[in-house]
């Protein structure tokens, strides 16, 4: 079973502000429950970790696992 984080939980998990989460929402893997502006948004922990692993590897360029 996959674990999901809310925006506030993700903010604490990453150590960033809620504004940063909102600004990067289109880049971050997420699931939106509904089509309304205020619909709940959840972030799958595994996909968030993969996203940041791949982002760091692309920016560093020379990192090899």
N, C-alpha and C. Protein backbone atom coordinates (compact mmCIF):
# COMPACT_ATOMS: atom_id res chain seq x y z
N UNK A 1 0.84 -1.19 0.00
CA UNK A 1 0.00 0.00 0.00
C UNK A 1 0.88 1.24 0.00
N UNK A 2 0.58 2.17 -0.87
CA UNK A 2 1.39 3.37 -1.03
C UNK A 2 0.96 4.43 -0.02
N UNK A 3 1.93 5.17 0.49
CA UNK A 3 1.66 6.23 1.45
C UNK A 3 1.59 7.57 0.72
N UNK A 4 0.64 8.40 1.12
CA UNK A 4 0.44 9.70 0.52
C UNK A 4 0.60 10.79 1.57
N UNK A 5 1.07 11.95 1.14
CA UNK A 5 1.23 13.10 2.02
C UNK A 5 0.35 14.25 1.52
N UNK A 6 -0.21 15.00 2.46
CA UNK A 6 -0.94 16.21 2.10
C UNK A 6 0.08 17.32 1.82
N UNK A 7 -0.39 18.48 1.40
CA UNK A 7 0.52 19.59 1.15
C UNK A 7 1.28 19.98 2.41
N UNK A 8 0.58 20.05 3.54
CA UNK A 8 1.23 20.43 4.79
C UNK A 8 2.25 19.38 5.24
N UNK A 9 1.92 18.11 5.07
CA UNK A 9 2.85 17.04 5.43
C UNK A 9 4.08 17.07 4.51
N UNK A 10 3.87 17.33 3.22
CA UNK A 10 4.98 17.39 2.28
C UNK A 10 5.88 18.58 2.59
N UNK A 11 5.30 19.69 2.96
CA UNK A 11 6.06 20.89 3.35
C UNK A 11 7.01 20.56 4.50
N UNK A 12 6.51 19.86 5.51
CA UNK A 12 7.34 19.48 6.65
C UNK A 12 8.37 18.43 6.25
N UNK A 13 7.97 17.49 5.42
CA UNK A 13 8.84 16.40 4.96
C UNK A 13 10.05 16.95 4.19
N UNK A 14 9.80 17.97 3.34
CA UNK A 14 10.86 18.55 2.52
C UNK A 14 11.55 19.74 3.18
N UNK A 15 10.93 20.31 4.19
CA UNK A 15 11.50 21.47 4.85
C UNK A 15 11.41 22.74 4.02
N UNK A 16 10.31 22.89 3.29
CA UNK A 16 10.10 24.07 2.46
C UNK A 16 8.78 24.72 2.86
N UNK A 17 8.48 25.88 2.29
CA UNK A 17 7.24 26.57 2.61
C UNK A 17 6.08 26.02 1.76
N UNK A 18 4.88 26.32 2.23
CA UNK A 18 3.68 25.93 1.48
C UNK A 18 3.62 26.64 0.13
N UNK A 19 4.13 27.86 0.08
CA UNK A 19 4.19 28.59 -1.18
C UNK A 19 5.06 27.90 -2.21
N UNK A 20 6.17 27.33 -1.75
CA UNK A 20 7.05 26.58 -2.66
C UNK A 20 6.34 25.36 -3.22
N UNK A 21 5.61 24.66 -2.36
CA UNK A 21 4.83 23.49 -2.82
C UNK A 21 3.82 23.93 -3.87
N UNK A 22 3.11 25.01 -3.61
CA UNK A 22 2.11 25.50 -4.56
C UNK A 22 2.74 25.96 -5.87
N UNK A 23 3.90 26.60 -5.80
CA UNK A 23 4.59 27.06 -7.02
C UNK A 23 5.10 25.90 -7.87
N UNK A 24 5.49 24.81 -7.25
CA UNK A 24 6.05 23.65 -7.95
C UNK A 24 5.03 22.55 -8.19
N UNK A 25 3.77 22.82 -7.93
CA UNK A 25 2.73 21.79 -8.01
C UNK A 25 2.69 21.09 -9.36
N UNK A 26 2.87 21.82 -10.44
CA UNK A 26 2.82 21.20 -11.78
C UNK A 26 4.00 20.28 -12.03
N UNK A 27 5.12 20.49 -11.34
CA UNK A 27 6.31 19.66 -11.52
C UNK A 27 6.30 18.42 -10.64
N UNK A 28 5.68 18.51 -9.48
CA UNK A 28 5.69 17.42 -8.51
C UNK A 28 4.65 16.37 -8.84
N UNK A 29 5.00 15.08 -8.68
CA UNK A 29 4.00 14.03 -8.90
C UNK A 29 2.92 14.13 -7.82
N UNK A 30 1.65 14.17 -8.24
CA UNK A 30 0.56 14.30 -7.29
C UNK A 30 -0.72 13.70 -7.85
N UNK A 31 -1.68 13.52 -6.95
CA UNK A 31 -3.01 13.05 -7.31
C UNK A 31 -3.99 14.09 -6.79
N UNK A 32 -4.84 14.57 -7.66
CA UNK A 32 -5.83 15.57 -7.26
C UNK A 32 -7.20 14.91 -7.23
N UNK A 33 -7.87 15.00 -6.08
CA UNK A 33 -9.17 14.37 -5.90
C UNK A 33 -10.27 15.37 -6.22
N UNK A 34 -10.65 15.44 -7.49
CA UNK A 34 -11.72 16.33 -7.93
C UNK A 34 -11.21 17.34 -8.93
N UNK A 35 -12.14 18.09 -9.50
CA UNK A 35 -11.81 19.07 -10.53
C UNK A 35 -11.92 20.51 -10.05
N UNK A 36 -12.32 20.70 -8.82
CA UNK A 36 -12.48 22.05 -8.29
C UNK A 36 -11.15 22.63 -7.88
N UNK A 37 -11.12 23.96 -7.78
CA UNK A 37 -9.88 24.64 -7.40
C UNK A 37 -9.40 24.22 -6.01
N UNK A 38 -10.32 23.97 -5.11
CA UNK A 38 -9.95 23.62 -3.74
C UNK A 38 -10.00 22.11 -3.47
N UNK A 39 -9.91 21.30 -4.52
CA UNK A 39 -9.90 19.85 -4.35
C UNK A 39 -8.63 19.41 -3.63
N UNK A 40 -8.73 18.31 -2.92
CA UNK A 40 -7.61 17.80 -2.14
C UNK A 40 -6.51 17.27 -3.07
N UNK A 41 -5.26 17.60 -2.73
CA UNK A 41 -4.10 17.16 -3.49
C UNK A 41 -3.24 16.30 -2.57
N UNK A 42 -2.88 15.10 -3.04
CA UNK A 42 -2.03 14.20 -2.27
C UNK A 42 -0.79 13.84 -3.09
N UNK A 43 0.31 13.62 -2.37
CA UNK A 43 1.59 13.34 -3.00
C UNK A 43 2.06 11.95 -2.59
N UNK A 44 2.24 11.02 -3.55
CA UNK A 44 2.75 9.69 -3.21
C UNK A 44 4.23 9.78 -2.83
N UNK A 45 4.55 9.30 -1.64
CA UNK A 45 5.91 9.42 -1.09
C UNK A 45 6.95 8.79 -2.01
N UNK A 46 6.68 7.58 -2.51
CA UNK A 46 7.65 6.88 -3.37
C UNK A 46 7.95 7.69 -4.63
N UNK A 47 6.93 8.25 -5.25
CA UNK A 47 7.14 9.02 -6.48
C UNK A 47 7.85 10.34 -6.21
N UNK A 48 7.57 10.96 -5.07
CA UNK A 48 8.27 12.20 -4.69
C UNK A 48 9.75 11.91 -4.51
N UNK A 49 10.08 10.81 -3.83
CA UNK A 49 11.49 10.45 -3.62
C UNK A 49 12.18 10.15 -4.94
N UNK A 50 11.51 9.44 -5.85
CA UNK A 50 12.08 9.16 -7.17
C UNK A 50 12.29 10.45 -7.96
N UNK A 51 11.34 11.36 -7.86
CA UNK A 51 11.43 12.65 -8.56
C UNK A 51 12.68 13.40 -8.11
N UNK A 52 12.88 13.48 -6.80
CA UNK A 52 14.04 14.21 -6.30
C UNK A 52 15.35 13.48 -6.58
N UNK A 53 15.34 12.15 -6.56
CA UNK A 53 16.54 11.41 -6.94
C UNK A 53 16.92 11.69 -8.38
N UNK A 54 15.96 11.66 -9.29
CA UNK A 54 16.25 11.89 -10.70
C UNK A 54 16.61 13.35 -10.96
N UNK A 55 16.00 14.28 -10.25
CA UNK A 55 16.31 15.69 -10.41
C UNK A 55 17.73 16.00 -9.97
N UNK A 56 18.14 15.44 -8.85
CA UNK A 56 19.50 15.65 -8.35
C UNK A 56 20.51 15.04 -9.31
N UNK A 57 20.22 13.85 -9.82
CA UNK A 57 21.15 13.20 -10.75
C UNK A 57 21.29 14.00 -12.03
N UNK A 58 20.21 14.57 -12.54
CA UNK A 58 20.28 15.36 -13.77
C UNK A 58 21.08 16.63 -13.56
N UNK A 59 20.89 17.29 -12.43
CA UNK A 59 21.59 18.54 -12.17
C UNK A 59 23.07 18.32 -11.86
N UNK A 60 23.37 17.25 -11.14
CA UNK A 60 24.76 16.96 -10.78
C UNK A 60 25.52 16.46 -12.01
N UNK A 61 24.85 15.70 -12.86
CA UNK A 61 25.43 15.22 -14.10
C UNK A 61 26.46 14.12 -13.94
N UNK A 62 27.35 14.25 -13.01
CA UNK A 62 28.43 13.28 -12.90
C UNK A 62 28.18 12.20 -11.87
N UNK A 63 27.05 12.24 -11.18
CA UNK A 63 26.76 11.23 -10.19
C UNK A 63 26.40 9.92 -10.86
N UNK A 64 26.97 8.84 -10.39
CA UNK A 64 26.68 7.52 -10.91
C UNK A 64 26.42 6.60 -9.74
N UNK A 65 25.35 5.82 -9.83
CA UNK A 65 25.05 4.86 -8.76
C UNK A 65 25.77 3.56 -8.98
